[in-house]
Each structure stands twice: as structure tokens, then as C-alpha cells.
Amino acid sequence: MWLSRTLATLILLTALAACGFKPLYGTDPSGLSDPQGELATIRVAPIPDRLGQLVRNQLVEYLTPRGQGAQNRYQLNVKLSLSSVGTALAQDESATRYNLTLTSNFTLVDLSTNKKVFVGVARSIAVYNVITSEYATLIARQDAERRAAQDVAEELRTRLGVFFSRRTKSS
């Protein structure tokens, strides 16, 4: 019984190692791929407005978790647009719930050639309720904006990580 479990575990581990799975932000043992190292070489350009500051600060934290140390090889330019649509109506037909959509058009520019190497769109939807207290509604909207900014920054990090992971494999 013990031998069969051990054998099954060894077979499973061997199969998992052979499938080519590797963590997105981990380093490749062969040294060919280091997406986290590539992410650390991205300079995030300033993004206007308070919402832009939230996205930029979160991006800087995600891309350089150990602090800025690498030479900047790329610049990430981000343009944000925010829209809000009422989705739930009260009996008097006033909106009581809103979907807040934050759309981010981004461009990754190679600083040595000044050419765009990756262009895309990241989007996040956050929901907030409208209640009788104007202050509570304002706080709920600001919280929805903060959550949307964090989601967009996380999606940007993931998309950039996948870009660098695929780019180093094909090079």
C-alpha cells in the first residue's frame, strides 16, 4: 500500500515536471526567461488625475516589488477613461446602483528604439450603491474607483508578464 502511494506520487510529480508548467513570474532554470526581471525594467509614465495616481502607484508596486533597481528599458504609457451607468432603479426611476467602468488603453514603448512593442486595453468594472446619505454615496463611489484602479493595475501586470514570458520563449 505504501509502495503504491509512493509510486503514484512519483509518477504524478514526473508528469507535472514534464508538462512544461512554470510560474508566470518565476525564473526559468535554463536562464532563458525572467518575466519578473523584465517587469522591473518598465518605467510607468505619469497618469493624470487622482485615479491615474492610484493606478500608477499600484503598477509601480506590482512591477518593482523589491524597489527600483533595474535600468529602465521600457516605458508604459496609460490613458484612462471612466464611465458610470445606473443599473438598478428605485420606484421613482432614480438609479440606486451604478456600474463604474475603468478602461485603460496602454502602450509599452522600447526606450532604445522608441517603438511600440505591446499595445492593449485593460478594463475593470466596480459596483457601488447610491443611498440617501450623499457622503456615504461619495465614499462608496471613491471605494469603487479604488477597487477598479487596483484591478486594472493587476490586469496590466498580468498582461505584461504574459507578454514577456512569451517573448523570451520565441526569441
N, C-alpha and C. Protein backbone atom coordinates (compact mmCIF):
# COMPACT_ATOMS: atom_id res chain seq x y z
N MET A 1 0.84 -1.18 0.00
CA MET A 1 0.00 0.00 0.00
C MET A 1 0.89 1.26 0.00
N TRP A 2 1.87 1.31 0.91
CA TRP A 2 2.78 2.44 0.98
C TRP A 2 3.57 2.58 -0.31
N LEU A 3 4.02 1.47 -0.87
CA LEU A 3 4.80 1.47 -2.09
C LEU A 3 3.98 1.98 -3.27
N SER A 4 2.72 1.59 -3.34
CA SER A 4 1.88 2.04 -4.45
C SER A 4 1.59 3.54 -4.36
N ARG A 5 1.41 4.08 -3.15
CA ARG A 5 1.20 5.52 -3.00
C ARG A 5 2.45 6.29 -3.38
N THR A 6 3.59 5.81 -2.96
CA THR A 6 4.86 6.45 -3.28
C THR A 6 5.09 6.44 -4.78
N LEU A 7 4.82 5.31 -5.40
CA LEU A 7 4.99 5.19 -6.85
C LEU A 7 4.03 6.12 -7.59
N ALA A 8 2.78 6.18 -7.13
CA ALA A 8 1.80 7.07 -7.76
C ALA A 8 2.23 8.53 -7.62
N THR A 9 2.74 8.90 -6.46
CA THR A 9 3.21 10.27 -6.23
C THR A 9 4.38 10.60 -7.14
N LEU A 10 5.32 9.70 -7.27
CA LEU A 10 6.47 9.92 -8.15
C LEU A 10 6.04 10.07 -9.60
N ILE A 11 5.10 9.26 -10.04
CA ILE A 11 4.62 9.35 -11.41
C ILE A 11 3.93 10.69 -11.64
N LEU A 12 3.12 11.11 -10.67
CA LEU A 12 2.44 12.41 -10.78
C LEU A 12 3.44 13.56 -10.84
N LEU A 13 4.44 13.55 -9.99
CA LEU A 13 5.44 14.61 -9.98
C LEU A 13 6.24 14.64 -11.28
N THR A 14 6.56 13.48 -11.80
CA THR A 14 7.28 13.40 -13.07
C THR A 14 6.43 13.95 -14.21
N ALA A 15 5.15 13.60 -14.22
CA ALA A 15 4.25 14.09 -15.26
C ALA A 15 4.10 15.60 -15.18
N LEU A 16 3.99 16.13 -13.97
CA LEU A 16 3.85 17.57 -13.79
C LEU A 16 5.11 18.30 -14.25
N ALA A 17 6.25 17.77 -13.96
CA ALA A 17 7.50 18.40 -14.37
C ALA A 17 7.67 18.36 -15.88
N ALA A 18 7.14 17.34 -16.52
CA ALA A 18 7.30 17.18 -17.96
C ALA A 18 6.29 18.00 -18.76
N CYS A 19 5.26 18.53 -18.12
CA CYS A 19 4.22 19.23 -18.86
C CYS A 19 4.65 20.62 -19.30
N GLY A 20 5.74 21.14 -18.79
CA GLY A 20 6.21 22.46 -19.18
C GLY A 20 5.64 23.58 -18.34
N PHE A 21 4.91 23.26 -17.31
CA PHE A 21 4.33 24.28 -16.43
C PHE A 21 5.44 25.00 -15.68
N LYS A 22 5.32 26.32 -15.63
CA LYS A 22 6.23 27.11 -14.81
C LYS A 22 5.47 28.35 -14.34
N PRO A 23 5.81 28.86 -13.18
CA PRO A 23 5.12 30.06 -12.68
C PRO A 23 5.36 31.25 -13.61
N LEU A 24 4.35 32.08 -13.77
CA LEU A 24 4.45 33.23 -14.67
C LEU A 24 5.56 34.18 -14.26
N TYR A 25 5.69 34.45 -12.98
CA TYR A 25 6.66 35.43 -12.52
C TYR A 25 7.94 34.80 -11.99
N GLY A 26 8.11 33.50 -12.16
CA GLY A 26 9.31 32.81 -11.70
C GLY A 26 10.40 32.85 -12.75
N THR A 27 11.61 32.53 -12.35
CA THR A 27 12.70 32.48 -13.30
C THR A 27 12.81 31.07 -13.86
N ASP A 28 13.16 31.01 -15.11
CA ASP A 28 13.35 29.74 -15.80
C ASP A 28 14.72 29.18 -15.40
N PRO A 29 14.79 27.89 -15.00
CA PRO A 29 16.08 27.33 -14.61
C PRO A 29 17.14 27.41 -15.71
N SER A 30 16.70 27.41 -16.97
CA SER A 30 17.66 27.50 -18.07
C SER A 30 18.21 28.92 -18.23
N GLY A 31 17.57 29.89 -17.56
CA GLY A 31 18.03 31.27 -17.65
C GLY A 31 17.51 32.00 -18.88
N LEU A 32 16.65 31.35 -19.69
CA LEU A 32 16.14 31.97 -20.90
C LEU A 32 15.01 32.96 -20.64
N SER A 33 14.30 32.78 -19.54
CA SER A 33 13.12 33.59 -19.29
C SER A 33 13.12 34.12 -17.86
N ASP A 34 12.92 35.43 -17.73
CA ASP A 34 12.80 36.06 -16.42
C ASP A 34 11.80 37.20 -16.52
N PRO A 35 10.48 36.86 -16.60
CA PRO A 35 9.48 37.91 -16.75
C PRO A 35 9.50 38.93 -15.61
N GLN A 36 9.73 38.52 -14.38
CA GLN A 36 9.76 39.49 -13.27
C GLN A 36 10.92 40.46 -13.43
N GLY A 37 12.05 39.96 -13.91
CA GLY A 37 13.19 40.83 -14.17
C GLY A 37 12.88 41.83 -15.27
N GLU A 38 12.16 41.39 -16.31
CA GLU A 38 11.75 42.29 -17.39
C GLU A 38 10.76 43.33 -16.89
N LEU A 39 9.82 42.91 -16.04
CA LEU A 39 8.83 43.85 -15.50
C LEU A 39 9.51 44.96 -14.70
N ALA A 40 10.60 44.63 -14.04
CA ALA A 40 11.31 45.62 -13.23
C ALA A 40 12.00 46.68 -14.08
N THR A 41 12.11 46.44 -15.39
CA THR A 41 12.76 47.42 -16.27
C THR A 41 11.76 48.40 -16.89
N ILE A 42 10.51 48.34 -16.46
CA ILE A 42 9.47 49.21 -17.02
C ILE A 42 9.32 50.47 -16.16
N ARG A 43 9.40 51.60 -16.82
CA ARG A 43 9.11 52.88 -16.16
C ARG A 43 7.65 53.22 -16.49
N VAL A 44 6.87 53.50 -15.47
CA VAL A 44 5.46 53.85 -15.68
C VAL A 44 5.36 55.36 -15.77
N ALA A 45 4.90 55.84 -16.92
CA ALA A 45 4.76 57.29 -17.13
C ALA A 45 3.66 57.83 -16.22
N PRO A 46 3.76 59.10 -15.83
CA PRO A 46 2.70 59.69 -15.01
C PRO A 46 1.35 59.60 -15.71
N ILE A 47 0.31 59.35 -14.93
CA ILE A 47 -1.06 59.25 -15.44
C ILE A 47 -1.85 60.38 -14.77
N PRO A 48 -2.54 61.21 -15.56
CA PRO A 48 -3.25 62.36 -14.97
C PRO A 48 -4.36 61.96 -13.99
N ASP A 49 -4.70 62.88 -13.13
CA ASP A 49 -5.81 62.80 -12.18
C ASP A 49 -5.53 61.85 -11.02
N ARG A 50 -6.39 61.93 -10.03
CA ARG A 50 -6.25 61.11 -8.82
C ARG A 50 -6.36 59.62 -9.13
N LEU A 51 -7.29 59.26 -10.00
CA LEU A 51 -7.45 57.86 -10.38
C LEU A 51 -6.19 57.35 -11.08
N GLY A 52 -5.59 58.20 -11.90
CA GLY A 52 -4.34 57.84 -12.57
C GLY A 52 -3.21 57.61 -11.58
N GLN A 53 -3.19 58.43 -10.52
CA GLN A 53 -2.18 58.24 -9.48
C GLN A 53 -2.36 56.89 -8.79
N LEU A 54 -3.61 56.52 -8.53
CA LEU A 54 -3.87 55.23 -7.89
C LEU A 54 -3.39 54.08 -8.76
N VAL A 55 -3.71 54.14 -10.06
CA VAL A 55 -3.28 53.08 -10.99
C VAL A 55 -1.76 53.04 -11.07
N ARG A 56 -1.14 54.21 -11.23
CA ARG A 56 0.33 54.26 -11.38
C ARG A 56 1.03 53.73 -10.13
N ASN A 57 0.59 54.18 -8.95
CA ASN A 57 1.23 53.72 -7.71
C ASN A 57 1.11 52.21 -7.55
N GLN A 58 -0.05 51.66 -7.88
CA GLN A 58 -0.24 50.21 -7.78
C GLN A 58 0.63 49.48 -8.79
N LEU A 59 0.74 50.03 -10.00
CA LEU A 59 1.59 49.43 -11.03
C LEU A 59 3.05 49.41 -10.60
N VAL A 60 3.53 50.53 -10.08
CA VAL A 60 4.93 50.60 -9.63
C VAL A 60 5.17 49.55 -8.55
N GLU A 61 4.23 49.41 -7.63
CA GLU A 61 4.36 48.40 -6.58
C GLU A 61 4.37 46.99 -7.15
N TYR A 62 3.52 46.72 -8.13
CA TYR A 62 3.46 45.39 -8.75
C TYR A 62 4.70 45.07 -9.60
N LEU A 63 5.17 46.07 -10.36
CA LEU A 63 6.26 45.81 -11.30
C LEU A 63 7.62 45.77 -10.62
N THR A 64 7.78 46.51 -9.55
CA THR A 64 9.07 46.55 -8.86
C THR A 64 8.86 46.28 -7.37
N PRO A 65 8.48 45.05 -7.01
CA PRO A 65 8.20 44.75 -5.60
C PRO A 65 9.43 44.87 -4.70
N ARG A 66 10.62 44.77 -5.26
CA ARG A 66 11.85 44.88 -4.46
C ARG A 66 12.45 46.28 -4.55
N GLY A 67 11.71 47.21 -5.13
CA GLY A 67 12.22 48.57 -5.30
C GLY A 67 12.85 48.75 -6.66
N GLN A 68 12.96 50.00 -7.07
CA GLN A 68 13.54 50.31 -8.37
C GLN A 68 15.03 50.06 -8.33
N GLY A 69 15.50 49.19 -9.18
CA GLY A 69 16.92 48.90 -9.19
C GLY A 69 17.43 48.64 -10.59
N ALA A 70 16.55 48.20 -11.47
CA ALA A 70 16.96 47.85 -12.82
C ALA A 70 16.99 49.09 -13.72
N GLN A 71 17.78 49.01 -14.75
CA GLN A 71 17.84 50.06 -15.77
C GLN A 71 16.52 50.06 -16.53
N ASN A 72 15.93 51.23 -16.74
CA ASN A 72 14.67 51.31 -17.49
C ASN A 72 14.92 51.01 -18.96
N ARG A 73 14.25 49.98 -19.47
CA ARG A 73 14.35 49.62 -20.88
C ARG A 73 13.04 49.91 -21.62
N TYR A 74 11.97 50.03 -20.85
CA TYR A 74 10.65 50.25 -21.44
C TYR A 74 9.93 51.36 -20.70
N GLN A 75 8.96 51.96 -21.39
CA GLN A 75 8.07 52.91 -20.73
C GLN A 75 6.64 52.48 -21.01
N LEU A 76 5.84 52.47 -19.95
CA LEU A 76 4.43 52.13 -20.07
C LEU A 76 3.62 53.42 -20.02
N ASN A 77 2.90 53.68 -21.10
CA ASN A 77 2.02 54.84 -21.18
C ASN A 77 0.59 54.35 -21.04
N VAL A 78 -0.16 54.97 -20.14
CA VAL A 78 -1.52 54.54 -19.84
C VAL A 78 -2.46 55.73 -19.95
N LYS A 79 -3.57 55.53 -20.66
CA LYS A 79 -4.63 56.54 -20.73
C LYS A 79 -5.90 55.91 -20.15
N LEU A 80 -6.50 56.58 -19.19
CA LEU A 80 -7.68 56.05 -18.51
C LEU A 80 -8.93 56.78 -18.95
N SER A 81 -10.04 56.05 -18.99
CA SER A 81 -11.35 56.67 -19.15
C SER A 81 -12.30 55.98 -18.17
N LEU A 82 -13.18 56.78 -17.59
CA LEU A 82 -14.08 56.30 -16.55
C LEU A 82 -15.51 56.59 -16.97
N SER A 83 -16.38 55.59 -16.84
CA SER A 83 -17.80 55.81 -17.11
C SER A 83 -18.61 55.15 -16.01
N SER A 84 -19.80 55.69 -15.81
CA SER A 84 -20.68 55.19 -14.77
C SER A 84 -22.09 55.06 -15.33
N VAL A 85 -22.70 53.88 -15.16
CA VAL A 85 -24.03 53.62 -15.70
C VAL A 85 -24.92 53.08 -14.60
N GLY A 86 -26.10 53.67 -14.46
CA GLY A 86 -27.07 53.19 -13.49
C GLY A 86 -27.63 51.84 -13.91
N THR A 87 -27.65 50.88 -12.97
CA THR A 87 -28.12 49.54 -13.31
C THR A 87 -29.34 49.10 -12.52
N ALA A 88 -29.62 49.73 -11.41
CA ALA A 88 -30.79 49.38 -10.60
C ALA A 88 -31.60 50.64 -10.37
N LEU A 89 -32.90 50.54 -10.52
CA LEU A 89 -33.76 51.70 -10.39
C LEU A 89 -34.71 51.54 -9.22
N ALA A 90 -34.96 52.67 -8.55
CA ALA A 90 -35.96 52.71 -7.48
C ALA A 90 -37.33 52.90 -8.12
N GLN A 91 -38.37 52.92 -7.30
CA GLN A 91 -39.73 53.08 -7.83
C GLN A 91 -39.91 54.43 -8.52
N ASP A 92 -39.16 55.45 -8.09
CA ASP A 92 -39.26 56.75 -8.75
C ASP A 92 -38.34 56.86 -9.96
N GLU A 93 -37.79 55.74 -10.39
CA GLU A 93 -36.91 55.61 -11.55
C GLU A 93 -35.56 56.29 -11.38
N SER A 94 -35.14 56.56 -10.15
CA SER A 94 -33.79 57.07 -9.92
C SER A 94 -32.85 55.88 -9.72
N ALA A 95 -31.63 56.03 -10.19
CA ALA A 95 -30.65 54.93 -10.09
C ALA A 95 -30.22 54.74 -8.64
N THR A 96 -30.17 53.48 -8.21
CA THR A 96 -29.73 53.17 -6.85
C THR A 96 -28.45 52.34 -6.84
N ARG A 97 -28.04 51.89 -8.01
CA ARG A 97 -26.82 51.08 -8.12
C ARG A 97 -26.15 51.45 -9.44
N TYR A 98 -24.84 51.62 -9.38
CA TYR A 98 -24.09 52.01 -10.57
C TYR A 98 -22.97 51.03 -10.85
N ASN A 99 -22.74 50.79 -12.14
CA ASN A 99 -21.55 50.09 -12.60
C ASN A 99 -20.55 51.15 -13.04
N LEU A 100 -19.41 51.15 -12.42
CA LEU A 100 -18.34 52.09 -12.75
C LEU A 100 -17.32 51.31 -13.59
N THR A 101 -17.09 51.73 -14.83
CA THR A 101 -16.17 51.03 -15.73
C THR A 101 -14.93 51.88 -15.93
N LEU A 102 -13.79 51.30 -15.60
CA LEU A 102 -12.50 51.96 -15.81
C LEU A 102 -11.79 51.25 -16.96
N THR A 103 -11.54 52.00 -18.03
CA THR A 103 -10.88 51.44 -19.22
C THR A 103 -9.50 52.06 -19.34
N SER A 104 -8.52 51.21 -19.59
CA SER A 104 -7.14 51.64 -19.67
C SER A 104 -6.57 51.24 -21.03
N ASN A 105 -6.25 52.20 -21.86
CA ASN A 105 -5.53 51.95 -23.11
C ASN A 105 -4.06 52.11 -22.80
N PHE A 106 -3.27 51.08 -23.09
CA PHE A 106 -1.86 51.16 -22.72
C PHE A 106 -0.95 50.85 -23.89
N THR A 107 0.26 51.40 -23.81
CA THR A 107 1.29 51.19 -24.82
C THR A 107 2.61 50.98 -24.10
N LEU A 108 3.30 49.91 -24.45
CA LEU A 108 4.64 49.66 -23.93
C LEU A 108 5.64 50.04 -25.02
N VAL A 109 6.52 50.98 -24.70
CA VAL A 109 7.48 51.50 -25.67
C VAL A 109 8.88 51.06 -25.28
N ASP A 110 9.62 50.53 -26.25
CA ASP A 110 11.03 50.18 -26.06
C ASP A 110 11.82 51.48 -26.11
N LEU A 111 12.49 51.85 -25.03
CA LEU A 111 13.18 53.14 -24.95
C LEU A 111 14.40 53.22 -25.87
N SER A 112 15.01 52.08 -26.22
CA SER A 112 16.20 52.12 -27.07
C SER A 112 15.84 52.41 -28.53
N THR A 113 14.66 51.95 -28.97
CA THR A 113 14.25 52.17 -30.36
C THR A 113 13.09 53.15 -30.47
N ASN A 114 12.47 53.49 -29.35
CA ASN A 114 11.29 54.36 -29.30
C ASN A 114 10.12 53.79 -30.11
N LYS A 115 10.04 52.46 -30.18
CA LYS A 115 8.96 51.80 -30.91
C LYS A 115 8.00 51.13 -29.94
N LYS A 116 6.74 51.09 -30.33
CA LYS A 116 5.73 50.39 -29.54
C LYS A 116 5.95 48.89 -29.70
N VAL A 117 6.06 48.18 -28.57
CA VAL A 117 6.26 46.74 -28.64
C VAL A 117 5.02 45.96 -28.17
N PHE A 118 4.12 46.64 -27.46
CA PHE A 118 2.91 45.99 -26.96
C PHE A 118 1.85 47.05 -26.72
N VAL A 119 0.67 46.83 -27.28
CA VAL A 119 -0.44 47.76 -27.15
C VAL A 119 -1.67 46.96 -26.76
N GLY A 120 -2.48 47.51 -25.86
CA GLY A 120 -3.69 46.78 -25.47
C GLY A 120 -4.64 47.63 -24.65
N VAL A 121 -5.69 46.96 -24.18
CA VAL A 121 -6.71 47.59 -23.36
C VAL A 121 -6.97 46.70 -22.16
N ALA A 122 -7.04 47.31 -20.99
CA ALA A 122 -7.41 46.61 -19.76
C ALA A 122 -8.64 47.30 -19.20
N ARG A 123 -9.57 46.51 -18.67
CA ARG A 123 -10.84 47.07 -18.21
C ARG A 123 -11.25 46.45 -16.90
N SER A 124 -11.91 47.24 -16.07
CA SER A 124 -12.43 46.75 -14.81
C SER A 124 -13.79 47.39 -14.55
N ILE A 125 -14.68 46.61 -13.95
CA ILE A 125 -16.00 47.12 -13.57
C ILE A 125 -16.15 46.96 -12.07
N ALA A 126 -16.49 48.05 -11.41
CA ALA A 126 -16.75 48.02 -9.97
C ALA A 126 -18.17 48.57 -9.75
N VAL A 127 -18.84 48.07 -8.74
CA VAL A 127 -20.23 48.42 -8.48
C VAL A 127 -20.31 49.18 -7.15
N TYR A 128 -21.19 50.18 -7.12
CA TYR A 128 -21.45 50.86 -5.85
C TYR A 128 -22.93 51.23 -5.77
N ASN A 129 -23.42 51.38 -4.55
CA ASN A 129 -24.82 51.71 -4.29
C ASN A 129 -24.97 53.18 -3.98
N VAL A 130 -26.10 53.73 -4.39
CA VAL A 130 -26.47 55.10 -4.06
C VAL A 130 -27.51 55.02 -2.95
N ILE A 131 -27.22 55.72 -1.84
CA ILE A 131 -28.17 55.73 -0.73
C ILE A 131 -28.53 57.18 -0.40
N THR A 132 -29.36 57.38 0.59
CA THR A 132 -29.85 58.73 0.90
C THR A 132 -28.75 59.66 1.40
N SER A 133 -27.74 59.14 2.04
CA SER A 133 -26.63 59.97 2.53
C SER A 133 -25.66 60.27 1.39
N GLU A 134 -25.52 61.55 1.06
CA GLU A 134 -24.62 61.94 -0.02
C GLU A 134 -23.17 61.58 0.31
N TYR A 135 -22.79 61.74 1.57
CA TYR A 135 -21.43 61.42 1.99
C TYR A 135 -21.14 59.92 1.82
N ALA A 136 -22.08 59.08 2.25
CA ALA A 136 -21.89 57.63 2.12
C ALA A 136 -21.82 57.23 0.65
N THR A 137 -22.62 57.87 -0.18
CA THR A 137 -22.58 57.58 -1.63
C THR A 137 -21.23 58.00 -2.21
N LEU A 138 -20.72 59.15 -1.80
CA LEU A 138 -19.42 59.62 -2.27
C LEU A 138 -18.31 58.65 -1.87
N ILE A 139 -18.34 58.20 -0.63
CA ILE A 139 -17.33 57.24 -0.14
C ILE A 139 -17.45 55.93 -0.90
N ALA A 140 -18.68 55.48 -1.18
CA ALA A 140 -18.88 54.23 -1.92
C ALA A 140 -18.33 54.36 -3.34
N ARG A 141 -18.54 55.53 -3.97
CA ARG A 141 -18.01 55.73 -5.32
C ARG A 141 -16.48 55.76 -5.30
N GLN A 142 -15.91 56.45 -4.34
CA GLN A 142 -14.44 56.51 -4.24
C GLN A 142 -13.85 55.12 -4.00
N ASP A 143 -14.53 54.32 -3.20
CA ASP A 143 -14.07 52.95 -2.96
C ASP A 143 -14.16 52.12 -4.24
N ALA A 144 -15.23 52.31 -5.01
CA ALA A 144 -15.36 51.60 -6.28
C ALA A 144 -14.25 52.02 -7.25
N GLU A 145 -13.92 53.30 -7.27
CA GLU A 145 -12.82 53.78 -8.11
C GLU A 145 -11.49 53.16 -7.69
N ARG A 146 -11.26 53.09 -6.38
CA ARG A 146 -10.02 52.50 -5.86
C ARG A 146 -9.92 51.02 -6.25
N ARG A 147 -11.03 50.29 -6.11
CA ARG A 147 -11.03 48.86 -6.47
C ARG A 147 -10.82 48.67 -7.97
N ALA A 148 -11.44 49.52 -8.78
CA ALA A 148 -11.26 49.43 -10.23
C ALA A 148 -9.81 49.74 -10.61
N ALA A 149 -9.21 50.74 -9.98
CA ALA A 149 -7.81 51.08 -10.26
C ALA A 149 -6.89 49.92 -9.91
N GLN A 150 -7.14 49.28 -8.79
CA GLN A 150 -6.32 48.13 -8.39
C GLN A 150 -6.49 46.97 -9.36
N ASP A 151 -7.72 46.72 -9.79
CA ASP A 151 -7.97 45.64 -10.75
C ASP A 151 -7.29 45.90 -12.09
N VAL A 152 -7.36 47.14 -12.57
CA VAL A 152 -6.72 47.49 -13.84
C VAL A 152 -5.21 47.31 -13.73
N ALA A 153 -4.63 47.77 -12.64
CA ALA A 153 -3.18 47.62 -12.45
C ALA A 153 -2.79 46.14 -12.41
N GLU A 154 -3.59 45.33 -11.74
CA GLU A 154 -3.29 43.90 -11.68
C GLU A 154 -3.40 43.25 -13.05
N GLU A 155 -4.42 43.64 -13.82
CA GLU A 155 -4.56 43.09 -15.17
C GLU A 155 -3.40 43.52 -16.06
N LEU A 156 -2.97 44.77 -15.92
CA LEU A 156 -1.82 45.24 -16.70
C LEU A 156 -0.57 44.44 -16.36
N ARG A 157 -0.34 44.20 -15.08
CA ARG A 157 0.83 43.41 -14.67
C ARG A 157 0.77 42.01 -15.27
N THR A 158 -0.39 41.40 -15.22
CA THR A 158 -0.55 40.04 -15.76
C THR A 158 -0.32 40.03 -17.27
N ARG A 159 -0.92 40.98 -17.97
CA ARG A 159 -0.75 41.02 -19.43
C ARG A 159 0.70 41.28 -19.82
N LEU A 160 1.38 42.16 -19.08
CA LEU A 160 2.79 42.42 -19.36
C LEU A 160 3.65 41.20 -19.04
N GLY A 161 3.33 40.51 -17.94
CA GLY A 161 4.06 39.30 -17.59
C GLY A 161 3.92 38.22 -18.65
N VAL A 162 2.71 38.04 -19.16
CA VAL A 162 2.49 37.07 -20.24
C VAL A 162 3.23 37.50 -21.50
N PHE A 163 3.20 38.79 -21.81
CA PHE A 163 3.93 39.31 -22.98
C PHE A 163 5.42 38.96 -22.89
N PHE A 164 6.03 39.26 -21.75
CA PHE A 164 7.46 38.98 -21.60
C PHE A 164 7.76 37.49 -21.55
N SER A 165 6.87 36.72 -20.96
CA SER A 165 7.05 35.27 -20.90
C SER A 165 7.03 34.66 -22.30
N ARG A 166 6.10 35.09 -23.11
CA ARG A 166 6.00 34.57 -24.49
C ARG A 166 7.12 35.11 -25.37
N ARG A 167 7.49 36.35 -25.12
CA ARG A 167 8.53 36.98 -25.94
C ARG A 167 9.87 36.31 -25.77
N THR A 168 10.22 35.95 -24.52
CA THR A 168 11.52 35.33 -24.29
C THR A 168 11.54 33.88 -24.78
N LYS A 169 10.38 33.22 -24.81
CA LYS A 169 10.33 31.85 -25.33
C LYS A 169 10.56 31.84 -26.84
N SER A 170 9.96 32.82 -27.54
CA SER A 170 10.05 32.83 -29.00
C SER A 170 11.37 33.41 -29.50
N SER A 171 12.07 34.16 -28.65
CA SER A 171 13.34 34.78 -29.08
C SER A 171 14.43 33.77 -29.20
